[in-house]
Amino acid sequence: MIANTPPPDLPPPDLMTALGRMGLAVPPGTVGAQLTGGVSSDIWRIDLPGGPVCVKRALGKLKVAADWRAPVGRNRYEADWMRVAGAAVPGAVPRLLGQDTQAGALAMEYLPPERYPLWKAQLRDGIADARFAAQVGQRIGRIHAATAADPALAARFPTDAIFYDIRLEPYLVATAARHPDRAKALHALVATTQATRRALVHGDVSPKNILAGPTGPVFLDAECAWWGDPAFDLAFCLNHLLLKCLWTPAATVGFLACYTALADAYRAEIDWEPEATLEQRAARLLPGLLLARVDGKSPVEYITTEAPRDRVRRVARALLADPVARLAEVRHAWEEELAP
């Protein structure tokens, strides 16, 4: 977990107590700094004698304008996702140092921003590295493949209700209420996603949760961890690469190259079901997620006027009305909308 380093401050006493329960020594006078990033947790860098650690505590009410609530017990499953994903793909997650159920908090290694820049910040600045995007797709695909091969993991993630509360309801169900003529299609996506149980899903594979580490992408913030449909992770991340074309238009060609590189690398890892079957679910889910980022409970913060929102709506609504089976077809529809 990273952010710009603010001046030191005294962390909340209950977080310090939680660290003690995790077995991490916290001397009197220990300082830290509250970090930015995300809407669902309090995040701190705490400077322990052995070096800084990152402590994350789940919030019951998320920091958005809508009334969006979620159980704090999700922190436990985030820690479990980190354990499983780190074993499947070493280096793909920060090292987990401890987890405290009582406080809904976990501690992990602190990754300094000078060595682990945030992928979202790079995309904002127009840095479109298709090779890195392919690594993102490859690592997520490998995590899915490793977990799909171990279905006993499903019992460790009884998080259907959490996933619905944090992902399906605020994104697809809330968007259906804003678009009643597309509600049937959006609710069908919810039903398909809920019914598909293939692998361990991160649930928030977004550039804001991916660090560009020296040996490849590092994934953060698995609060939505769920045994379910791996197509959700693929569609969720590809959606952000489409939306970034509206944030940094000059890099559109590069972002679309990243989209294709990520999808191709991910497809190469699929061995748990027919590749075309998963791709079709992702291609049909993606327009629902696209529309959700302008009309759901968690709109992207960088699309601030109606003209670009309407571009999203035109493409997403058309694809919801006439679904496609290939991710390249979603890209083509987006390219046509963006063409001068």
Protein backbone atom coordinates (compact mmCIF):
# COMPACT_ATOMS: atom_id res chain seq x y z
CA MET A 1 0.00 0.00 0.00
CA ILE A 2 1.54 3.30 -1.00
CA ALA A 3 0.89 7.01 -1.19
CA ASN A 4 2.83 10.24 -0.94
CA THR A 5 4.55 10.36 2.43
CA PRO A 6 2.89 12.96 4.70
CA PRO A 7 4.32 14.23 8.00
CA PRO A 8 4.29 11.69 10.88
CA ASP A 9 1.27 11.51 13.15
CA LEU A 10 0.00 9.42 16.03
CA PRO A 11 -2.01 6.45 14.74
CA PRO A 12 -5.37 5.62 16.36
CA PRO A 13 -4.87 3.77 19.67
CA ASP A 14 -7.12 0.89 18.63
CA LEU A 15 -4.95 0.22 15.59
CA MET A 16 -1.88 0.15 17.81
CA THR A 17 -3.64 -2.32 20.09
CA ALA A 18 -4.56 -4.46 17.08
CA LEU A 19 -0.92 -4.54 16.00
CA GLY A 20 -0.01 -5.80 19.44
CA ARG A 21 -2.53 -8.61 19.12
CA MET A 22 -0.91 -9.49 15.79
CA GLY A 23 2.37 -9.98 17.64
CA LEU A 24 4.02 -6.83 16.27
CA ALA A 25 5.89 -4.77 18.86
CA VAL A 26 4.61 -1.20 19.17
CA PRO A 27 6.80 0.92 21.48
CA PRO A 28 5.33 4.02 23.17
CA GLY A 29 5.53 7.08 20.95
CA THR A 30 5.29 5.12 17.70
CA VAL A 31 4.24 7.42 14.87
CA GLY A 32 2.96 6.94 11.34
CA ALA A 33 0.94 8.64 8.65
CA GLN A 34 -2.53 8.14 7.25
CA LEU A 35 -2.39 7.12 3.60
CA THR A 36 -4.73 8.01 0.79
CA GLY A 37 -6.35 5.56 -1.56
CA GLY A 38 -9.69 3.84 -1.79
CA VAL A 39 -13.04 4.52 -0.19
CA SER A 40 -13.53 1.43 1.91
CA SER A 41 -10.77 1.45 4.54
CA ASP A 42 -8.60 3.49 6.86
CA ILE A 43 -4.99 2.92 5.82
CA TRP A 44 -1.90 3.86 7.81
CA ARG A 45 1.85 3.64 7.49
CA ILE A 46 3.10 2.90 10.99
CA ASP A 47 6.80 3.24 11.70
CA LEU A 48 7.82 0.26 13.82
CA PRO A 49 11.39 -0.30 15.05
CA GLY A 50 12.01 -2.88 12.32
CA GLY A 51 10.74 -0.56 9.60
CA PRO A 52 7.42 0.81 8.37
CA VAL A 53 4.38 -1.41 7.94
CA CYS A 54 1.05 -0.74 6.30
CA VAL A 55 -2.08 -1.27 8.41
CA LYS A 56 -5.52 -1.41 6.84
CA ARG A 57 -8.85 -1.36 8.67
CA ALA A 58 -12.16 -1.97 6.90
CA LEU A 59 -14.92 0.64 7.21
CA GLY A 60 -18.58 -0.22 7.70
CA LYS A 61 -19.74 2.77 5.61
CA LEU A 62 -17.73 3.51 2.50
CA LYS A 63 -16.50 7.02 1.74
CA VAL A 64 -18.79 7.80 -1.20
CA ALA A 65 -21.80 10.08 -1.65
CA ALA A 66 -24.26 7.18 -1.82
CA ASP A 67 -25.26 5.22 1.29
CA TRP A 68 -22.99 2.23 0.64
CA ARG A 69 -22.33 -0.14 3.54
CA ALA A 70 -20.44 -3.41 3.84
CA PRO A 71 -19.51 -5.78 6.69
CA VAL A 72 -16.07 -5.18 8.21
CA GLY A 73 -15.51 -8.94 8.40
CA ARG A 74 -14.35 -8.74 4.79
CA ASN A 75 -10.90 -7.87 6.12
CA ARG A 76 -10.43 -11.49 7.17
CA TYR A 77 -11.12 -12.73 3.64
CA GLU A 78 -8.80 -10.13 2.16
CA ALA A 79 -6.01 -11.53 4.31
CA ASP A 80 -6.90 -15.06 3.20
CA TRP A 81 -6.87 -13.98 -0.47
CA MET A 82 -3.38 -12.57 0.05
CA ARG A 83 -2.18 -15.87 1.52
CA VAL A 84 -3.62 -17.92 -1.33
CA ALA A 85 -2.59 -15.56 -4.15
CA GLY A 86 0.90 -15.12 -2.73
CA ALA A 87 1.38 -18.89 -2.68
CA ALA A 88 0.05 -19.23 -6.24
CA VAL A 89 2.15 -16.40 -7.71
CA PRO A 90 5.03 -15.35 -5.42
CA GLY A 91 5.59 -11.61 -5.50
CA ALA A 92 2.06 -10.81 -6.70
CA VAL A 93 0.95 -9.47 -3.30
CA PRO A 94 2.61 -7.65 -0.39
CA ARG A 95 3.90 -9.85 2.41
CA LEU A 96 1.15 -10.32 5.01
CA LEU A 97 2.40 -9.63 8.54
CA GLY A 98 -0.74 -10.25 10.58
CA GLN A 99 -4.51 -10.01 10.74
CA ASP A 100 -6.77 -9.09 13.67
CA THR A 101 -10.41 -10.11 13.37
CA GLN A 102 -11.46 -8.11 16.43
CA ALA A 103 -10.44 -4.79 14.84
CA GLY A 104 -11.11 -5.81 11.24
CA ALA A 105 -7.50 -4.90 10.45
CA LEU A 106 -4.50 -6.44 8.75
CA ALA A 107 -0.83 -5.51 8.56
CA MET A 108 1.37 -5.95 5.50
CA GLU A 109 4.76 -4.82 4.30
CA TYR A 110 4.98 -1.18 3.28
CA LEU A 111 5.98 -0.80 -0.37
CA PRO A 112 7.68 2.56 -0.98
CA PRO A 113 6.26 4.59 -3.87
CA GLU A 114 9.64 5.31 -5.39
CA ARG A 115 10.01 1.56 -6.13
CA TYR A 116 6.34 0.63 -6.47
CA PRO A 117 4.52 3.35 -8.41
CA LEU A 118 0.76 3.07 -8.71
CA TRP A 119 -0.42 1.87 -12.12
CA LYS A 120 -3.34 4.30 -12.03
CA ALA A 121 -0.93 7.23 -11.67
CA GLN A 122 1.09 5.99 -14.62
CA LEU A 123 -2.04 5.70 -16.77
CA ARG A 124 -3.12 9.19 -15.72
CA ASP A 125 0.22 10.46 -16.97
CA GLY A 126 -0.23 8.72 -20.31
CA ILE A 127 2.23 5.89 -19.64
CA ALA A 128 0.67 2.98 -21.51
CA ASP A 129 2.94 -0.04 -21.20
CA ALA A 130 1.37 -3.00 -23.00
CA ARG A 131 4.04 -5.31 -21.63
CA PHE A 132 3.07 -4.45 -18.06
CA ALA A 133 -0.63 -4.84 -18.90
CA ALA A 134 0.15 -8.33 -20.21
CA GLN A 135 1.86 -9.14 -16.91
CA VAL A 136 -1.31 -8.04 -15.08
CA GLY A 137 -3.41 -10.37 -17.20
CA GLN A 138 -0.93 -13.21 -16.83
CA ARG A 139 -0.70 -12.96 -13.03
CA ILE A 140 -4.44 -12.72 -12.51
CA GLY A 141 -4.90 -15.66 -14.88
CA ARG A 142 -2.35 -17.72 -12.96
CA ILE A 143 -4.06 -16.99 -9.64
CA HIS A 144 -7.38 -18.05 -11.14
CA ALA A 145 -5.87 -21.20 -12.63
CA ALA A 146 -4.16 -22.22 -9.39
CA THR A 147 -7.30 -21.72 -7.33
CA ALA A 148 -9.64 -23.34 -9.87
CA ALA A 149 -7.47 -26.44 -9.46
CA ASP A 150 -8.22 -26.45 -5.71
CA PRO A 151 -12.02 -26.23 -5.31
CA ALA A 152 -11.71 -26.99 -1.59
CA LEU A 153 -10.73 -23.32 -1.26
CA ALA A 154 -14.38 -22.38 -1.77
CA ALA A 155 -15.15 -23.24 1.85
CA ARG A 156 -12.67 -20.57 3.03
CA PHE A 157 -14.54 -17.81 1.19
CA PRO A 158 -18.25 -17.89 2.12
CA THR A 159 -18.53 -14.30 0.93
CA ASP A 160 -21.54 -14.28 -1.38
CA ALA A 161 -23.29 -11.60 0.68
CA ILE A 162 -20.17 -9.42 0.88
CA PHE A 163 -19.59 -9.66 -2.87
CA TYR A 164 -23.19 -8.73 -3.53
CA ASP A 165 -23.04 -5.77 -1.12
CA ILE A 166 -19.74 -4.38 -2.43
CA ARG A 167 -19.86 -5.28 -6.12
CA LEU A 168 -23.11 -6.52 -7.62
CA GLU A 169 -25.56 -4.20 -5.84
CA PRO A 170 -23.66 -0.88 -6.09
CA TYR A 171 -22.54 -1.50 -9.64
CA LEU A 172 -25.12 -3.51 -11.58
CA VAL A 173 -28.28 -3.37 -9.46
CA ALA A 174 -28.00 0.35 -8.72
CA THR A 175 -27.31 1.06 -12.39
CA ALA A 176 -30.39 -0.94 -13.39
CA ALA A 177 -32.50 1.45 -11.31
CA ARG A 178 -31.10 4.36 -13.37
CA HIS A 179 -31.69 2.58 -16.68
CA PRO A 180 -34.99 0.71 -16.41
CA ASP A 181 -34.98 -0.15 -20.13
CA ARG A 182 -31.70 -2.03 -19.57
CA ALA A 183 -32.63 -3.43 -16.15
CA LYS A 184 -33.46 -6.91 -17.47
CA ALA A 185 -30.02 -7.22 -19.06
CA LEU A 186 -28.24 -5.90 -15.97
CA HIS A 187 -30.11 -8.21 -13.62
CA ALA A 188 -29.29 -11.12 -15.94
CA LEU A 189 -25.60 -10.27 -15.55
CA VAL A 190 -26.03 -10.35 -11.77
CA ALA A 191 -27.69 -13.78 -11.97
CA THR A 192 -24.99 -15.22 -14.25
CA THR A 193 -22.19 -13.88 -12.07
CA GLN A 194 -23.78 -15.23 -8.89
CA ALA A 195 -24.32 -18.66 -10.44
CA THR A 196 -20.79 -19.10 -11.82
CA ARG A 197 -18.33 -20.64 -9.36
CA ARG A 198 -14.99 -21.48 -10.85
CA ALA A 199 -12.10 -19.84 -9.00
CA LEU A 200 -10.99 -17.38 -6.31
CA VAL A 201 -11.88 -13.86 -7.45
CA HIS A 202 -10.13 -10.69 -6.26
CA GLY A 203 -13.13 -8.50 -7.06
CA ASP A 204 -11.36 -5.14 -7.45
CA VAL A 205 -8.64 -5.61 -10.07
CA SER A 206 -8.31 -1.92 -10.80
CA PRO A 207 -5.25 0.21 -11.68
CA LYS A 208 -5.70 1.95 -8.31
CA ASN A 209 -5.00 -1.41 -6.65
CA ILE A 210 -2.02 -2.45 -8.76
CA LEU A 211 1.57 -1.40 -8.13
CA ALA A 212 4.16 -1.47 -10.91
CA GLY A 213 6.78 -3.32 -8.90
CA PRO A 214 10.34 -4.02 -10.02
CA THR A 215 9.49 -7.66 -10.78
CA GLY A 216 5.93 -7.15 -12.02
CA PRO A 217 2.46 -6.14 -10.82
CA VAL A 218 1.57 -6.31 -7.14
CA PHE A 219 -2.13 -6.56 -6.29
CA LEU A 220 -3.73 -4.78 -3.33
CA ASP A 221 -7.16 -4.44 -1.71
CA ALA A 222 -8.83 -7.82 -2.11
CA GLU A 223 -11.74 -6.83 0.15
CA CYS A 224 -14.22 -8.36 -2.30
CA ALA A 225 -12.50 -11.77 -2.34
CA TRP A 226 -15.03 -14.38 -3.42
CA TRP A 227 -15.23 -17.90 -4.77
CA GLY A 228 -17.04 -17.23 -8.01
CA ASP A 229 -16.69 -16.08 -11.59
CA PRO A 230 -13.12 -15.26 -12.72
CA ALA A 231 -14.57 -13.39 -15.71
CA PHE A 232 -15.49 -10.64 -13.25
CA ASP A 233 -11.83 -9.81 -12.54
CA LEU A 234 -10.98 -9.75 -16.24
CA ALA A 235 -13.91 -7.51 -17.19
CA PHE A 236 -13.41 -5.23 -14.19
CA CYS A 237 -9.80 -4.44 -15.11
CA LEU A 238 -10.39 -4.11 -18.85
CA ASN A 239 -13.19 -1.65 -18.10
CA HIS A 240 -10.69 0.72 -16.50
CA LEU A 241 -8.46 0.69 -19.56
CA LEU A 242 -11.41 1.79 -21.69
CA LEU A 243 -12.38 4.55 -19.28
CA LYS A 244 -8.81 5.89 -19.09
CA CYS A 245 -9.21 6.92 -22.75
CA LEU A 246 -11.55 9.66 -21.49
CA TRP A 247 -9.12 10.73 -18.75
CA THR A 248 -5.98 10.94 -20.90
CA PRO A 249 -7.22 11.03 -24.52
CA ALA A 250 -3.75 11.48 -26.00
CA ALA A 251 -2.84 7.97 -24.82
CA THR A 252 -5.94 6.26 -26.25
CA VAL A 253 -4.01 4.13 -28.75
CA GLY A 254 -1.70 2.93 -25.99
CA PHE A 255 -4.54 2.19 -23.59
CA LEU A 256 -6.32 0.10 -26.20
CA ALA A 257 -3.09 -1.78 -26.86
CA CYS A 258 -2.92 -2.45 -23.11
CA TYR A 259 -6.52 -3.72 -23.23
CA THR A 260 -5.68 -6.26 -25.91
CA ALA A 261 -2.38 -7.29 -24.32
CA LEU A 262 -4.02 -7.89 -20.95
CA ALA A 263 -6.89 -9.90 -22.45
CA ASP A 264 -4.55 -12.00 -24.62
CA ALA A 265 -2.20 -12.80 -21.74
CA TYR A 266 -5.10 -13.72 -19.47
CA ARG A 267 -6.66 -16.02 -22.09
CA ALA A 268 -3.36 -17.90 -22.38
CA GLU A 269 -3.70 -18.98 -18.72
CA ILE A 270 -7.27 -20.35 -18.94
CA ASP A 271 -7.25 -24.10 -18.38
CA TRP A 272 -10.24 -24.60 -16.09
CA GLU A 273 -13.02 -24.10 -18.65
CA PRO A 274 -13.32 -23.40 -22.39
CA GLU A 275 -11.63 -20.11 -23.19
CA ALA A 276 -14.49 -18.90 -25.36
CA THR A 277 -17.03 -19.55 -22.60
CA LEU A 278 -15.21 -17.33 -20.12
CA GLU A 279 -14.52 -14.65 -22.73
CA GLN A 280 -18.20 -14.44 -23.60
CA ARG A 281 -19.14 -13.87 -19.95
CA ALA A 282 -16.48 -11.15 -19.67
CA ALA A 283 -17.53 -9.47 -22.93
CA ARG A 284 -21.17 -9.35 -21.80
CA LEU A 285 -20.39 -8.20 -18.27
CA LEU A 286 -18.02 -5.43 -19.35
CA PRO A 287 -20.72 -3.06 -20.74
CA GLY A 288 -22.64 -3.34 -17.47
CA LEU A 289 -19.53 -2.37 -15.53
CA LEU A 290 -18.80 0.41 -18.01
CA LEU A 291 -22.24 1.93 -17.47
CA ALA A 292 -21.91 1.47 -13.71
CA ARG A 293 -18.87 3.72 -13.56
CA VAL A 294 -20.98 6.69 -14.61
CA ASP A 295 -24.41 5.79 -13.21
CA GLY A 296 -23.77 3.38 -10.33
CA LYS A 297 -22.90 4.08 -6.71
CA SER A 298 -19.17 4.38 -7.42
CA PRO A 299 -18.67 6.61 -10.48
CA VAL A 300 -15.09 7.22 -11.56
CA GLU A 301 -13.91 10.56 -10.22
CA TYR A 302 -12.24 11.74 -13.43
CA ILE A 303 -15.32 11.78 -15.67
CA THR A 304 -16.94 14.96 -14.43
CA THR A 305 -19.14 16.27 -17.25
CA GLU A 306 -22.12 14.93 -19.16
CA ALA A 307 -20.53 14.77 -22.62
CA PRO A 308 -18.04 11.97 -21.79
CA ARG A 309 -20.63 10.26 -19.59
CA ASP A 310 -22.95 10.16 -22.58
CA ARG A 311 -20.23 8.51 -24.65
CA VAL A 312 -20.02 5.76 -22.04
CA ARG A 313 -23.79 5.44 -21.96
CA ARG A 314 -24.11 5.14 -25.74
CA VAL A 315 -21.61 2.30 -26.02
CA ALA A 316 -22.68 0.44 -22.88
CA ARG A 317 -26.39 0.66 -23.55
CA ALA A 318 -25.95 -0.53 -27.15
CA LEU A 319 -23.88 -3.52 -26.04
CA LEU A 320 -26.35 -4.39 -23.29
CA ALA A 321 -29.14 -4.40 -25.88
CA ASP A 322 -27.13 -6.44 -28.38
CA PRO A 323 -24.53 -8.50 -26.46
CA VAL A 324 -21.28 -9.66 -28.08
CA ALA A 325 -19.15 -12.71 -27.43
CA ARG A 326 -15.62 -11.38 -27.89
CA LEU A 327 -13.68 -8.77 -25.99
CA ALA A 328 -12.31 -7.44 -29.28
CA GLU A 329 -15.88 -6.54 -30.24
CA VAL A 330 -16.23 -4.42 -27.09
CA ARG A 331 -12.98 -2.67 -27.96
CA HIS A 332 -14.20 -2.06 -31.53
CA ALA A 333 -17.45 -0.48 -30.31
CA TRP A 334 -15.47 1.79 -27.98
CA GLU A 335 -13.04 2.77 -30.74
CA GLU A 336 -15.92 3.69 -33.02
CA GLU A 337 -17.40 5.96 -30.33
CA LEU A 338 -14.05 7.68 -29.76
CA ALA A 339 -13.26 8.15 -33.44
CA PRO A 340 -13.26 11.82 -34.55
